[in-house]
Amino acid sequence: MRYLTCIQLVKNMGAYMNHPISNGLYLVSSDYDEACFDAGISEAFSNAWHILALSDVIMRPIRNIYPNVNGEKDGARIYLNKIFYPSNPLESASPLTILWYSIGKMPEPNVYYNVNNFVAVTDVTERGLNTNRQQSTKR
């Protein structure tokens, strides 16, 4: 996926740089050229440019959950806590949900929390697990 995302970023540079959300991504992510380079390195951290391109690679919307640890007016939260839509989605493609976090770092009071990674989030009902346990009241 990482290499396909890298190719997508390089191949469609003009489309991503002129994307309606690109102004916000410039504020909260690395330089576009750096993002293209980092997308091909397995040890590099991901950023919003990668998620935008990944939505095109998997042809599904990607819902970003950005933690509210820096306050409601945090620019990263404003620009990243949204759904990134692919240019050509699959017909029945439900969004993939990811949660942004920072490896090896917990939020601290009065210290800006900078995320550098994400994990996929899934609803237990999507996996076919029954979360409504019925307790027997018969004795």
Protein backbone atom coordinates (compact mmCIF):
# COMPACT_ATOMS: atom_id res chain seq x y z
CA MET A 1 0.00 0.00 0.00
CA ARG A 2 2.81 2.37 0.87
CA TYR A 3 4.41 2.06 -2.57
CA LEU A 4 1.07 2.39 -4.37
CA THR A 5 0.41 5.53 -2.32
CA CYS A 6 3.85 6.88 -3.28
CA ILE A 7 3.15 6.26 -6.97
CA GLN A 8 -0.27 7.87 -6.64
CA LEU A 9 1.25 11.00 -5.06
CA VAL A 10 3.93 11.35 -7.73
CA LYS A 11 1.65 10.54 -10.67
CA ASN A 12 -1.16 12.89 -9.60
CA MET A 13 0.84 15.73 -8.08
CA GLY A 14 -1.15 18.47 -9.83
CA ALA A 15 -4.50 17.06 -8.75
CA TYR A 16 -3.46 16.76 -5.10
CA MET A 17 -1.73 20.13 -4.94
CA ASN A 18 -4.91 21.75 -6.30
CA HIS A 19 -7.33 19.60 -4.28
CA PRO A 20 -10.01 21.58 -2.40
CA ILE A 21 -8.47 20.62 0.97
CA SER A 22 -4.85 21.14 -0.07
CA ASN A 23 -4.51 24.56 1.63
CA GLY A 24 -5.25 22.97 4.98
CA LEU A 25 -2.89 20.08 4.30
CA TYR A 26 -0.05 22.50 3.58
CA LEU A 27 -0.57 23.90 7.09
CA VAL A 28 -0.57 20.60 8.97
CA SER A 29 1.60 18.24 6.90
CA SER A 30 5.09 18.14 5.51
CA ASP A 31 6.03 19.66 2.18
CA TYR A 32 4.39 17.80 -0.73
CA ASP A 33 7.72 16.72 -2.26
CA GLU A 34 8.86 15.40 1.11
CA ALA A 35 5.55 13.54 1.48
CA CYS A 36 6.11 11.88 -1.92
CA PHE A 37 9.59 10.78 -0.86
CA ASP A 38 8.47 9.59 2.60
CA ALA A 39 5.59 7.57 1.15
CA GLY A 40 8.14 5.16 -0.33
CA ILE A 41 10.07 4.65 2.92
CA SER A 42 8.69 2.01 5.26
CA GLU A 43 10.13 3.64 8.40
CA ALA A 44 8.80 7.14 7.60
CA PHE A 45 5.82 8.57 9.44
CA SER A 46 2.61 9.16 7.52
CA ASN A 47 0.82 12.43 7.03
CA ALA A 48 -2.38 13.80 5.52
CA TRP A 49 -1.04 13.80 1.95
CA HIS A 50 -0.57 10.03 2.29
CA ILE A 51 -4.15 9.56 3.50
CA LEU A 52 -5.56 11.62 0.64
CA ALA A 53 -3.65 9.51 -1.90
CA LEU A 54 -4.44 6.27 -0.05
CA SER A 55 -8.17 6.98 -0.42
CA ASP A 56 -7.61 6.93 -4.19
CA VAL A 57 -5.50 3.76 -4.00
CA ILE A 58 -8.17 1.81 -2.07
CA MET A 59 -11.03 3.66 -3.81
CA ARG A 60 -12.77 4.25 -0.47
CA PRO A 61 -13.39 7.33 1.64
CA ILE A 62 -11.17 7.56 4.72
CA ARG A 63 -12.67 9.05 7.87
CA ASN A 64 -9.96 10.67 9.98
CA ILE A 65 -10.37 10.89 13.73
CA TYR A 66 -7.97 13.44 15.12
CA PRO A 67 -7.89 13.50 18.95
CA ASN A 68 -9.07 16.67 20.62
CA VAL A 69 -5.99 17.00 22.83
CA ASN A 70 -4.82 20.46 21.72
CA GLY A 71 -8.21 22.18 21.92
CA GLU A 72 -11.06 22.84 19.50
CA LYS A 73 -9.14 25.53 17.58
CA ASP A 74 -6.16 23.30 16.81
CA GLY A 75 -5.44 23.67 13.08
CA ALA A 76 -4.49 20.01 12.71
CA ARG A 77 -7.81 18.94 14.22
CA ILE A 78 -9.72 21.38 11.99
CA TYR A 79 -8.10 20.11 8.78
CA LEU A 80 -7.66 16.43 9.62
CA ASN A 81 -10.81 15.53 11.52
CA LYS A 82 -12.84 14.92 8.35
CA ILE A 83 -13.48 12.42 5.58
CA PHE A 84 -11.08 12.31 2.62
CA TYR A 85 -12.94 11.17 -0.48
CA PRO A 86 -11.32 9.37 -3.43
CA SER A 87 -11.73 10.81 -6.90
CA ASN A 88 -13.29 7.54 -8.17
CA PRO A 89 -14.87 5.65 -5.26
CA LEU A 90 -16.20 2.13 -5.51
CA GLU A 91 -19.99 2.11 -5.69
CA SER A 92 -20.66 0.57 -2.29
CA ALA A 93 -17.49 1.70 -0.56
CA SER A 94 -18.09 2.50 3.08
CA PRO A 95 -15.47 4.71 4.74
CA LEU A 96 -12.38 3.26 6.33
CA THR A 97 -11.86 4.94 9.72
CA ILE A 98 -8.45 5.82 11.11
CA LEU A 99 -7.37 7.33 14.41
CA TRP A 100 -4.33 9.60 14.46
CA TYR A 101 -1.91 9.23 17.39
CA SER A 102 1.74 9.60 18.29
CA ILE A 103 4.04 6.61 18.73
CA GLY A 104 5.61 6.49 22.17
CA LYS A 105 4.12 9.74 23.38
CA MET A 106 1.15 10.49 25.62
CA PRO A 107 -0.55 13.89 25.72
CA GLU A 108 0.87 16.18 28.42
CA PRO A 109 -0.76 19.31 29.87
CA ASN A 110 0.36 22.55 28.16
CA VAL A 111 2.51 20.65 25.62
CA TYR A 112 1.43 20.50 21.98
CA TYR A 113 0.58 16.92 21.03
CA ASN A 114 1.89 16.21 17.53
CA VAL A 115 0.62 13.02 15.87
CA ASN A 116 2.82 10.96 13.58
CA ASN A 117 0.94 7.75 12.88
CA PHE A 118 -2.52 6.25 12.55
CA VAL A 119 -4.34 3.01 13.19
CA ALA A 120 -7.44 1.58 11.57
CA VAL A 121 -10.54 1.69 13.73
CA THR A 122 -13.37 -0.75 13.27
CA ASP A 123 -16.82 -1.08 14.75
CA VAL A 124 -17.39 -4.43 16.43
CA THR A 125 -20.72 -4.74 14.61
CA GLU A 126 -18.82 -4.58 11.30
CA ARG A 127 -16.91 -7.70 12.33
CA GLY A 128 -20.10 -9.59 13.04
CA LEU A 129 -19.76 -9.53 16.82
CA ASN A 130 -22.91 -9.17 18.86
CA THR A 131 -22.40 -6.37 21.35
CA ASN A 132 -25.90 -6.56 22.81
CA ARG A 133 -25.52 -9.21 25.43
CA GLN A 134 -28.80 -10.44 26.77
CA GLN A 135 -28.59 -11.38 30.39
CA SER A 136 -30.93 -14.03 31.65
CA THR A 137 -33.13 -12.92 34.52
CA LYS A 138 -34.58 -16.39 35.10
CA ARG A 139 -33.59 -18.06 38.32
